[in-house]
Amino acid sequence: MLFRSEVSRGAKLVYRPSLLGTARVHYAQTTNRIDHWQELAFVLPIDDGTVDWANSQQAADWQDETETTPVEPAEFANLPSTYLKAKHFATCSTGLKDYLYRTAKLTLWKAPKLKEVSAPDESEGDFRARISTGHREQRDLQVEKLRAKYSPKFAMIQEQIRKAEQRVDKEKEQATGALLSTALNVGSSILGAMLGRKMVTATNIGKAVTSARSASKALSERADVGRAIETVEALNEKLRALDAEFQAEVQKLTDSADESSIDLEEIGRAHV
């Protein structure tokens, strides 16, 4: 088996021996329900009889990078005599197993709060995007529940505002009537005093008292209008505060569904 090489014109090609190690690695972790197998391959140059897989390079596409016949003209470097012994390959195999047990790692991501674990070979970005989609769907359901929770509160305050505005209209109408009555009473009293022979009579005094009472009532009605308007303003402020509270809750749910805000931890354990 020869690894494919490119040779420039006039160059001398020498094939040097390398050790190809392939393994089927089992990644398992009961806690997170991980049970995944992966095919791995490593190439290790063997200039001497030393076997140290830490100096190897992973060859994911080694089958596509090999040739069955050499490029001509070419020479072959000597193969260390150690590799002429069959049992030496058993030692190489054991060394590869030990190396993989110590170093092979399947990178997985876990979102503890969402109780989600990434699939094998799923990147962090892809995992975030996937769980965010599901999380946004849950967010939408929670927003609807939140809307259902706040809806009666909004309806109650809006009904209170409607009644309060009706009260304002009624108080304004009563105040207008009271002012008109006062004006008529006062006008009648003054006119009676001016046309009568005597400035002070029982009738004029009665009319004056009535005018004073009407004026007092008019002032009271105007005060009632002011209080009714204040009630409407207070209810509108209460409605704005409730809406701000609702929007803050919605924003909190929206922020929690943002894929960049999801806390992830790296997990993985390899068994050969």
C-alpha atoms as a PDB file:
ATOM      1  CA  MET A   1       0.000   0.000   0.000  1.00  0.00           C
ATOM      2  CA  LEU A   2       1.524   3.298  -1.119  1.00  0.00           C
ATOM      3  CA  PHE A   3       0.418   6.812  -0.242  1.00  0.00           C
ATOM      4  CA  ARG A   4      -0.119   9.032  -3.233  1.00  0.00           C
ATOM      5  CA  SER A   5       2.619  11.581  -3.928  1.00  0.00           C
ATOM      6  CA  GLU A   6       3.352  14.256  -6.486  1.00  0.00           C
ATOM      7  CA  VAL A   7       6.846  14.249  -7.971  1.00  0.00           C
ATOM      8  CA  SER A   8       8.380  17.187  -9.793  1.00  0.00           C
ATOM      9  CA  ARG A   9      10.285  16.526 -13.034  1.00  0.00           C
ATOM     10  CA  GLY A  10      13.847  15.369 -12.405  1.00  0.00           C
ATOM     11  CA  ALA A  11      13.216  14.597  -8.723  1.00  0.00           C
ATOM     12  CA  LYS A  12      14.008  11.256  -7.147  1.00  0.00           C
ATOM     13  CA  LEU A  13      11.106   9.594  -5.357  1.00  0.00           C
ATOM     14  CA  VAL A  14      11.795   7.446  -2.303  1.00  0.00           C
ATOM     15  CA  TYR A  15       8.998   5.564  -0.569  1.00  0.00           C
ATOM     16  CA  ARG A  16       9.538   5.412   3.175  1.00  0.00           C
ATOM     17  CA  PRO A  17       7.631   2.916   5.308  1.00  0.00           C
ATOM     18  CA  SER A  18       4.765   4.056   7.513  1.00  0.00           C
ATOM     19  CA  LEU A  19       2.480   2.224   9.870  1.00  0.00           C
ATOM     20  CA  LEU A  20      -1.242   2.468   9.221  1.00  0.00           C
ATOM     21  CA  GLY A  21      -3.448   1.910  12.241  1.00  0.00           C
ATOM     22  CA  THR A  22      -7.227   1.722  12.008  1.00  0.00           C
ATOM     23  CA  ALA A  23      -9.643   1.471  14.894  1.00  0.00           C
ATOM     24  CA  ARG A  24     -13.328   1.428  15.633  1.00  0.00           C
ATOM     25  CA  VAL A  25     -13.805   3.569  18.705  1.00  0.00           C
ATOM     26  CA  HIS A  26     -16.814   3.280  20.977  1.00  0.00           C
ATOM     27  CA  TYR A  27     -17.908   6.404  22.821  1.00  0.00           C
ATOM     28  CA  ALA A  28     -20.242   5.602  25.684  1.00  0.00           C
ATOM     29  CA  GLN A  29     -21.745   7.486  28.598  1.00  0.00           C
ATOM     30  CA  THR A  30     -24.831   6.152  30.320  1.00  0.00           C
ATOM     31  CA  THR A  31     -25.677   9.415  32.094  1.00  0.00           C
ATOM     32  CA  ASN A  32     -26.214  11.307  28.833  1.00  0.00           C
ATOM     33  CA  ARG A  33     -27.317   8.285  26.794  1.00  0.00           C
ATOM     34  CA  ILE A  34     -24.238   8.381  24.546  1.00  0.00           C
ATOM     35  CA  ASP A  35     -23.592   5.260  22.483  1.00  0.00           C
ATOM     36  CA  HIS A  36     -21.626   6.085  19.331  1.00  0.00           C
ATOM     37  CA  TRP A  37     -19.086   4.241  17.183  1.00  0.00           C
ATOM     38  CA  GLN A  38     -16.484   6.002  15.049  1.00  0.00           C
ATOM     39  CA  GLU A  39     -13.972   4.756  12.478  1.00  0.00           C
ATOM     40  CA  LEU A  40     -10.476   6.277  12.878  1.00  0.00           C
ATOM     41  CA  ALA A  41      -7.202   5.853  11.017  1.00  0.00           C
ATOM     42  CA  PHE A  42      -3.650   7.030  11.808  1.00  0.00           C
ATOM     43  CA  VAL A  43      -0.406   7.030   9.838  1.00  0.00           C
ATOM     44  CA  LEU A  44       2.902   6.770  11.692  1.00  0.00           C
ATOM     45  CA  PRO A  45       6.289   7.074   9.892  1.00  0.00           C
ATOM     46  CA  ILE A  46       8.657   4.281  10.992  1.00  0.00           C
ATOM     47  CA  ASP A  47      12.222   5.321  10.292  1.00  0.00           C
ATOM     48  CA  ASP A  48      13.272   2.956  13.077  1.00  0.00           C
ATOM     49  CA  GLY A  49      11.567   0.342  15.180  1.00  0.00           C
ATOM     50  CA  THR A  50      10.107   2.831  17.677  1.00  0.00           C
ATOM     51  CA  VAL A  51       6.299   3.000  17.786  1.00  0.00           C
ATOM     52  CA  ASP A  52       4.855   6.159  19.323  1.00  0.00           C
ATOM     53  CA  TRP A  53       1.341   6.855  18.138  1.00  0.00           C
ATOM     54  CA  ALA A  54       1.571  10.344  19.614  1.00  0.00           C
ATOM     55  CA  ASN A  55       3.680  11.208  16.556  1.00  0.00           C
ATOM     56  CA  SER A  56       1.081   9.893  14.130  1.00  0.00           C
ATOM     57  CA  GLN A  57      -1.279  11.887  11.975  1.00  0.00           C
ATOM     58  CA  GLN A  58      -4.939  11.173  11.602  1.00  0.00           C
ATOM     59  CA  ALA A  59      -5.836  10.051   8.073  1.00  0.00           C
ATOM     60  CA  ALA A  60      -9.580  10.360   7.669  1.00  0.00           C
ATOM     61  CA  ASP A  61      -9.489   9.664   3.903  1.00  0.00           C
ATOM     62  CA  TRP A  62      -6.582   7.233   3.823  1.00  0.00           C
ATOM     63  CA  GLN A  63      -8.361   4.889   1.373  1.00  0.00           C
ATOM     64  CA  ASP A  64      -8.557   7.708  -1.168  1.00  0.00           C
ATOM     65  CA  GLU A  65      -4.933   8.678  -0.603  1.00  0.00           C
ATOM     66  CA  THR A  66      -3.305   5.327  -1.437  1.00  0.00           C
ATOM     67  CA  GLU A  67      -2.082   3.611  -4.593  1.00  0.00           C
ATOM     68  CA  THR A  68      -1.473  -0.094  -5.263  1.00  0.00           C
ATOM     69  CA  THR A  69       1.529   0.524  -7.540  1.00  0.00           C
ATOM     70  CA  PRO A  70       4.461   2.936  -7.139  1.00  0.00           C
ATOM     71  CA  VAL A  71       5.199   5.943  -9.310  1.00  0.00           C
ATOM     72  CA  GLU A  72       8.142   5.190 -11.632  1.00  0.00           C
ATOM     73  CA  PRO A  73      11.017   5.663 -11.226  1.00  0.00           C
ATOM     74  CA  ALA A  74      11.080   5.285  -7.454  1.00  0.00           C
ATOM     75  CA  GLU A  75      13.086   3.694  -4.661  1.00  0.00           C
ATOM     76  CA  PHE A  76      12.001   2.068  -1.430  1.00  0.00           C
ATOM     77  CA  ALA A  77      13.636   2.781   1.913  1.00  0.00           C
ATOM     78  CA  ASN A  78      14.540  -0.200   4.057  1.00  0.00           C
ATOM     79  CA  LEU A  79      11.936  -1.591   6.412  1.00  0.00           C
ATOM     80  CA  PRO A  80      13.216  -2.065   9.988  1.00  0.00           C
ATOM     81  CA  SER A  81      13.677  -5.704  10.759  1.00  0.00           C
ATOM     82  CA  THR A  82      11.360  -5.435  13.739  1.00  0.00           C
ATOM     83  CA  TYR A  83       8.436  -5.171  11.361  1.00  0.00           C
ATOM     84  CA  LEU A  84       9.318  -8.483   9.813  1.00  0.00           C
ATOM     85  CA  LYS A  85       8.062 -10.179  12.983  1.00  0.00           C
ATOM     86  CA  ALA A  86       4.323 -10.828  13.135  1.00  0.00           C
ATOM     87  CA  LYS A  87       4.048 -10.423  16.906  1.00  0.00           C
ATOM     88  CA  HIS A  88       5.420  -6.883  16.656  1.00  0.00           C
ATOM     89  CA  PHE A  89       2.158  -5.818  15.039  1.00  0.00           C
ATOM     90  CA  ALA A  90       0.280  -7.074  18.079  1.00  0.00           C
ATOM     91  CA  THR A  91       2.415  -4.696  20.157  1.00  0.00           C
ATOM     92  CA  CYS A  92       1.605  -1.881  17.720  1.00  0.00           C
ATOM     93  CA  SER A  93      -2.090  -2.666  18.017  1.00  0.00           C
ATOM     94  CA  THR A  94      -1.973  -2.621  21.825  1.00  0.00           C
ATOM     95  CA  GLY A  95      -0.110   0.688  21.698  1.00  0.00           C
ATOM     96  CA  LEU A  96      -2.767   2.186  19.449  1.00  0.00           C
ATOM     97  CA  LYS A  97      -5.517   1.043  21.796  1.00  0.00           C
ATOM     98  CA  ASP A  98      -3.745   2.630  24.762  1.00  0.00           C
ATOM     99  CA  TYR A  99      -3.153   5.830  22.804  1.00  0.00           C
ATOM    100  CA  LEU A 100      -6.783   6.098  21.752  1.00  0.00           C
ATOM    101  CA  TYR A 101      -8.057   5.341  25.238  1.00  0.00           C
ATOM    102  CA  ARG A 102      -5.993   8.255  26.540  1.00  0.00           C
ATOM    103  CA  THR A 103      -6.604  10.735  23.744  1.00  0.00           C
ATOM    104  CA  ALA A 104      -9.676   9.892  21.664  1.00  0.00           C
ATOM    105  CA  LYS A 105     -12.500  12.242  22.466  1.00  0.00           C
ATOM    106  CA  LEU A 106     -15.953  12.763  21.084  1.00  0.00           C
ATOM    107  CA  THR A 107     -16.902  16.412  21.535  1.00  0.00           C
ATOM    108  CA  LEU A 108     -20.499  16.723  22.653  1.00  0.00           C
ATOM    109  CA  TRP A 109     -22.412  19.675  24.043  1.00  0.00           C
ATOM    110  CA  LYS A 110     -24.989  19.636  26.778  1.00  0.00           C
ATOM    111  CA  ALA A 111     -27.527  22.291  27.753  1.00  0.00           C
ATOM    112  CA  PRO A 112     -28.241  21.378  31.406  1.00  0.00           C
ATOM    113  CA  LYS A 113     -31.214  23.714  31.839  1.00  0.00           C
ATOM    114  CA  LEU A 114     -32.885  22.348  28.717  1.00  0.00           C
ATOM    115  CA  LYS A 115     -31.752  18.745  29.374  1.00  0.00           C
ATOM    116  CA  GLU A 116     -30.521  18.462  25.788  1.00  0.00           C
ATOM    117  CA  VAL A 117     -27.347  16.802  24.445  1.00  0.00           C
ATOM    118  CA  SER A 118     -25.879  17.325  20.986  1.00  0.00           C
ATOM    119  CA  ALA A 119     -25.744  14.513  18.471  1.00  0.00           C
ATOM    120  CA  PRO A 120     -22.346  12.955  17.576  1.00  0.00           C
ATOM    121  CA  ASP A 121     -20.441  15.162  15.100  1.00  0.00           C
ATOM    122  CA  GLU A 122     -22.916  18.007  15.648  1.00  0.00           C
ATOM    123  CA  SER A 123     -21.089  21.322  15.961  1.00  0.00           C
ATOM    124  CA  GLU A 124     -21.701  23.734  18.813  1.00  0.00           C
ATOM    125  CA  GLY A 125     -23.319  26.216  16.421  1.00  0.00           C
ATOM    126  CA  ASP A 126     -25.623  23.617  14.893  1.00  0.00           C
ATOM    127  CA  PHE A 127     -26.574  22.370  18.342  1.00  0.00           C
ATOM    128  CA  ARG A 128     -27.364  25.885  19.557  1.00  0.00           C
ATOM    129  CA  ALA A 129     -29.497  26.516  16.473  1.00  0.00           C
ATOM    130  CA  ARG A 130     -31.373  23.239  16.913  1.00  0.00           C
ATOM    131  CA  ILE A 131     -32.219  23.641  20.576  1.00  0.00           C
ATOM    132  CA  SER A 132     -33.042  27.318  20.070  1.00  0.00           C
ATOM    133  CA  THR A 133     -35.738  26.361  17.576  1.00  0.00           C
ATOM    134  CA  GLY A 134     -37.347  24.041  20.100  1.00  0.00           C
ATOM    135  CA  HIS A 135     -36.805  26.547  22.878  1.00  0.00           C
ATOM    136  CA  ARG A 136     -38.479  29.311  20.869  1.00  0.00           C
ATOM    137  CA  GLU A 137     -41.500  27.065  20.358  1.00  0.00           C
ATOM    138  CA  GLN A 138     -41.665  26.552  24.111  1.00  0.00           C
ATOM    139  CA  ARG A 139     -41.216  30.316  24.550  1.00  0.00           C
ATOM    140  CA  ASP A 140     -44.208  30.992  22.302  1.00  0.00           C
ATOM    141  CA  LEU A 141     -46.347  28.623  24.373  1.00  0.00           C
ATOM    142  CA  GLN A 142     -45.190  30.323  27.574  1.00  0.00           C
ATOM    143  CA  VAL A 143     -45.976  33.749  26.106  1.00  0.00           C
ATOM    144  CA  GLU A 144     -49.496  32.579  25.294  1.00  0.00           C
ATOM    145  CA  LYS A 145     -49.906  31.314  28.851  1.00  0.00           C
ATOM    146  CA  LEU A 146     -48.580  34.642  30.110  1.00  0.00           C
ATOM    147  CA  ARG A 147     -51.018  36.499  27.853  1.00  0.00           C
ATOM    148  CA  ALA A 148     -53.889  34.400  29.206  1.00  0.00           C
ATOM    149  CA  LYS A 149     -52.742  35.202  32.746  1.00  0.00           C
ATOM    150  CA  TYR A 150     -52.615  38.967  32.157  1.00  0.00           C
ATOM    151  CA  SER A 151     -55.700  39.228  29.940  1.00  0.00           C
ATOM    152  CA  PRO A 152     -58.255  39.336  32.820  1.00  0.00           C
ATOM    153  CA  LYS A 153     -56.166  41.994  34.581  1.00  0.00           C
ATOM    154  CA  PHE A 154     -56.085  44.160  31.461  1.00  0.00           C
ATOM    155  CA  ALA A 155     -59.820  43.656  30.923  1.00  0.00           C
ATOM    156  CA  MET A 156     -60.636  44.627  34.521  1.00  0.00           C
ATOM    157  CA  ILE A 157     -58.638  47.881  34.415  1.00  0.00           C
ATOM    158  CA  GLN A 158     -59.995  48.783  30.966  1.00  0.00           C
ATOM    159  CA  GLU A 159     -63.532  48.300  32.270  1.00  0.00           C
ATOM    160  CA  GLN A 160     -62.716  50.494  35.272  1.00  0.00           C
ATOM    161  CA  ILE A 161     -61.398  53.165  32.896  1.00  0.00           C
ATOM    162  CA  ARG A 162     -64.572  52.962  30.805  1.00  0.00           C
ATOM    163  CA  LYS A 163     -66.766  53.473  33.873  1.00  0.00           C
ATOM    164  CA  ALA A 164     -64.530  56.236  35.176  1.00  0.00           C
ATOM    165  CA  GLU A 165     -64.730  58.089  31.854  1.00  0.00           C
ATOM    166  CA  GLN A 166     -68.509  57.759  31.961  1.00  0.00           C
ATOM    167  CA  ARG A 167     -68.390  59.228  35.469  1.00  0.00           C
ATOM    168  CA  VAL A 168     -66.346  62.164  34.172  1.00  0.00           C
ATOM    169  CA  ASP A 169     -68.947  62.863  31.487  1.00  0.00           C
ATOM    170  CA  LYS A 170     -71.731  62.660  34.047  1.00  0.00           C
ATOM    171  CA  GLU A 171     -69.965  64.931  36.551  1.00  0.00           C
ATOM    172  CA  LYS A 172     -69.231  67.461  33.798  1.00  0.00           C
ATOM    173  CA  GLU A 173     -72.901  67.438  32.816  1.00  0.00           C
ATOM    174  CA  GLN A 174     -74.004  67.926  36.421  1.00  0.00           C
ATOM    175  CA  ALA A 175     -71.429  70.668  36.935  1.00  0.00           C
ATOM    176  CA  THR A 176     -72.634  72.508  33.841  1.00  0.00           C
ATOM    177  CA  GLY A 177     -76.241  72.281  35.063  1.00  0.00           C
ATOM    178  CA  ALA A 178     -75.284  73.513  38.510  1.00  0.00           C
ATOM    179  CA  LEU A 179     -73.429  76.503  37.086  1.00  0.00           C
ATOM    180  CA  LEU A 180     -76.401  77.422  34.895  1.00  0.00           C
ATOM    181  CA  SER A 181     -78.793  77.138  37.852  1.00  0.00           C
ATOM    182  CA  THR A 182     -76.532  79.333  39.957  1.00  0.00           C
ATOM    183  CA  ALA A 183     -76.336  81.952  37.230  1.00  0.00           C
ATOM    184  CA  LEU A 184     -80.136  82.021  36.894  1.00  0.00           C
ATOM    185  CA  ASN A 185     -80.706  82.226  40.653  1.00  0.00           C
ATOM    186  CA  VAL A 186     -78.173  84.976  41.130  1.00  0.00           C
ATOM    187  CA  GLY A 187     -79.536  86.888  38.136  1.00  0.00           C
ATOM    188  CA  SER A 188     -83.088  86.583  39.405  1.00  0.00           C
ATOM    189  CA  SER A 189     -82.099  87.749  42.866  1.00  0.00           C
ATOM    190  CA  ILE A 190     -80.258  90.800  41.572  1.00  0.00           C
ATOM    191  CA  LEU A 191     -83.079  91.661  39.181  1.00  0.00           C
ATOM    192  CA  GLY A 192     -85.650  91.384  41.953  1.00  0.00           C
ATOM    193  CA  ALA A 193     -83.637  93.635  44.198  1.00  0.00           C
ATOM    194  CA  MET A 194     -83.213  96.231  41.470  1.00  0.00           C
ATOM    195  CA  LEU A 195     -86.867  96.361  40.419  1.00  0.00           C
ATOM    196  CA  GLY A 196     -88.408  96.084  43.864  1.00  0.00           C
ATOM    197  CA  ARG A 197     -89.275  99.102  45.905  1.00  0.00           C
ATOM    198  CA  LYS A 198     -87.307  97.876  48.803  1.00  0.00           C
ATOM    199  CA  MET A 199     -83.782  96.588  48.513  1.00  0.00           C
ATOM    200  CA  VAL A 200     -84.137  94.122  51.365  1.00  0.00           C
ATOM    201  CA  THR A 201     -87.197  91.895  51.361  1.00  0.00           C
ATOM    202  CA  ALA A 202     -87.894  88.368  52.495  1.00  0.00           C
ATOM    203  CA  THR A 203     -88.135  87.264  48.882  1.00  0.00           C
ATOM    204  CA  ASN A 204     -84.811  88.813  47.953  1.00  0.00           C
ATOM    205  CA  ILE A 205     -83.156  87.301  51.004  1.00  0.00           C
ATOM    206  CA  GLY A 206     -84.560  83.873  50.070  1.00  0.00           C
ATOM    207  CA  LYS A 207     -83.296  84.221  46.532  1.00  0.00           C
ATOM    208  CA  ALA A 208     -79.864  85.237  47.757  1.00  0.00           C
ATOM    209  CA  VAL A 209     -79.681  82.226  50.060  1.00  0.00           C
ATOM    210  CA  THR A 210     -80.750  79.977  47.198  1.00  0.00           C
ATOM    211  CA  SER A 211     -78.106  81.534  44.957  1.00  0.00           C
ATOM    212  CA  ALA A 212     -75.434  80.956  47.594  1.00  0.00           C
ATOM    213  CA  ARG A 213     -76.435  77.315  47.940  1.00  0.00           C
ATOM    214  CA  SER A 214     -76.412  76.888  44.166  1.00  0.00           C
ATOM    215  CA  ALA A 215     -72.946  78.403  43.959  1.00  0.00           C
ATOM    216  CA  SER A 216     -71.714  76.068  46.701  1.00  0.00           C
ATOM    217  CA  LYS A 217     -73.198  73.093  44.869  1.00  0.00           C
ATOM    218  CA  ALA A 218     -71.567  74.216  41.620  1.00  0.00           C
ATOM    219  CA  LEU A 219     -68.181  74.352  43.309  1.00  0.00           C
ATOM    220  CA  SER A 220     -68.768  70.884  44.729  1.00  0.00           C
ATOM    221  CA  GLU A 221     -69.729  69.557  41.296  1.00  0.00           C
ATOM    222  CA  ARG A 222     -66.566  71.039  39.778  1.00  0.00           C
ATOM    223  CA  ALA A 223     -64.540  69.316  42.509  1.00  0.00           C
ATOM    224  CA  ASP A 224     -66.282  66.036  41.656  1.00  0.00           C
ATOM    225  CA  VAL A 225     -65.262  66.491  38.013  1.00  0.00           C
ATOM    226  CA  GLY A 226     -61.656  66.975  39.059  1.00  0.00           C
ATOM    227  CA  ARG A 227     -61.696  63.857  41.208  1.00  0.00           C
ATOM    228  CA  ALA A 228     -63.290  61.831  38.413  1.00  0.00           C
ATOM    229  CA  ILE A 229     -60.586  62.965  35.967  1.00  0.00           C
ATOM    230  CA  GLU A 230     -57.872  62.069  38.504  1.00  0.00           C
ATOM    231  CA  THR A 231     -59.416  58.605  38.815  1.00  0.00           C
ATOM    232  CA  VAL A 232     -59.212  58.118  35.036  1.00  0.00           C
ATOM    233  CA  GLU A 233     -55.580  59.266  34.998  1.00  0.00           C
ATOM    234  CA  ALA A 234     -54.699  56.943  37.893  1.00  0.00           C
ATOM    235  CA  LEU A 235     -56.325  53.978  36.126  1.00  0.00           C
ATOM    236  CA  ASN A 236     -54.493  54.785  32.875  1.00  0.00           C
ATOM    237  CA  GLU A 237     -51.209  54.861  34.794  1.00  0.00           C
ATOM    238  CA  LYS A 238     -52.104  51.521  36.377  1.00  0.00           C
ATOM    239  CA  LEU A 239     -52.795  50.120  32.902  1.00  0.00           C
ATOM    240  CA  ARG A 240     -49.412  51.374  31.620  1.00  0.00           C
ATOM    241  CA  ALA A 241     -47.638  49.813  34.613  1.00  0.00           C
ATOM    242  CA  LEU A 242     -49.365  46.482  34.012  1.00  0.00           C
ATOM    243  CA  ASP A 243     -48.402  46.583  30.324  1.00  0.00           C
ATOM    244  CA  ALA A 244     -44.772  47.348  31.246  1.00  0.00           C
ATOM    245  CA  GLU A 245     -44.785  44.374  33.634  1.00  0.00           C
ATOM    246  CA  PHE A 246     -46.222  42.129  30.921  1.00  0.00           C
ATOM    247  CA  GLN A 247     -43.685  43.297  28.310  1.00  0.00           C
ATOM    248  CA  ALA A 248     -40.816  42.711  30.778  1.00  0.00           C
ATOM    249  CA  GLU A 249     -41.991  39.124  31.319  1.00  0.00           C
ATOM    250  CA  VAL A 250     -42.223  38.577  27.554  1.00  0.00           C
ATOM    251  CA  GLN A 251     -38.716  40.017  27.057  1.00  0.00           C
ATOM    252  CA  LYS A 252     -37.344  37.715  29.734  1.00  0.00           C
ATOM    253  CA  LEU A 253     -38.768  34.709  27.893  1.00  0.00           C
ATOM    254  CA  THR A 254     -37.416  36.047  24.585  1.00  0.00           C
ATOM    255  CA  ASP A 255     -33.918  36.499  26.008  1.00  0.00           C
ATOM    256  CA  SER A 256     -33.930  32.965  27.402  1.00  0.00           C
ATOM    257  CA  ALA A 257     -34.657  31.615  23.907  1.00  0.00           C
ATOM    258  CA  ASP A 258     -31.678  33.408  22.346  1.00  0.00           C
ATOM    259  CA  GLU A 259     -29.205  30.724  21.231  1.00  0.00           C
ATOM    260  CA  SER A 260     -26.207  32.820  22.307  1.00  0.00           C
ATOM    261  CA  SER A 261     -27.539  33.000  25.877  1.00  0.00           C
ATOM    262  CA  ILE A 262     -27.902  29.237  26.338  1.00  0.00           C
ATOM    263  CA  ASP A 263     -25.236  27.864  28.664  1.00  0.00           C
ATOM    264  CA  LEU A 264     -23.458  24.802  27.280  1.00  0.00           C
ATOM    265  CA  GLU A 265     -20.932  22.426  28.783  1.00  0.00           C
ATOM    266  CA  GLU A 266     -18.607  20.104  26.926  1.00  0.00           C
ATOM    267  CA  ILE A 267     -18.935  16.393  27.653  1.00  0.00           C
ATOM    268  CA  GLY A 268     -17.576  13.154  26.227  1.00  0.00           C
ATOM    269  CA  ARG A 269     -15.837   9.916  27.204  1.00  0.00           C
ATOM    270  CA  ALA A 270     -14.095   7.410  24.932  1.00  0.00           C
ATOM    271  CA  HIS A 271     -13.838   3.646  25.245  1.00  0.00           C
ATOM    272  CA  VAL A 272     -11.900   1.504  22.731  1.00  0.00           C
END
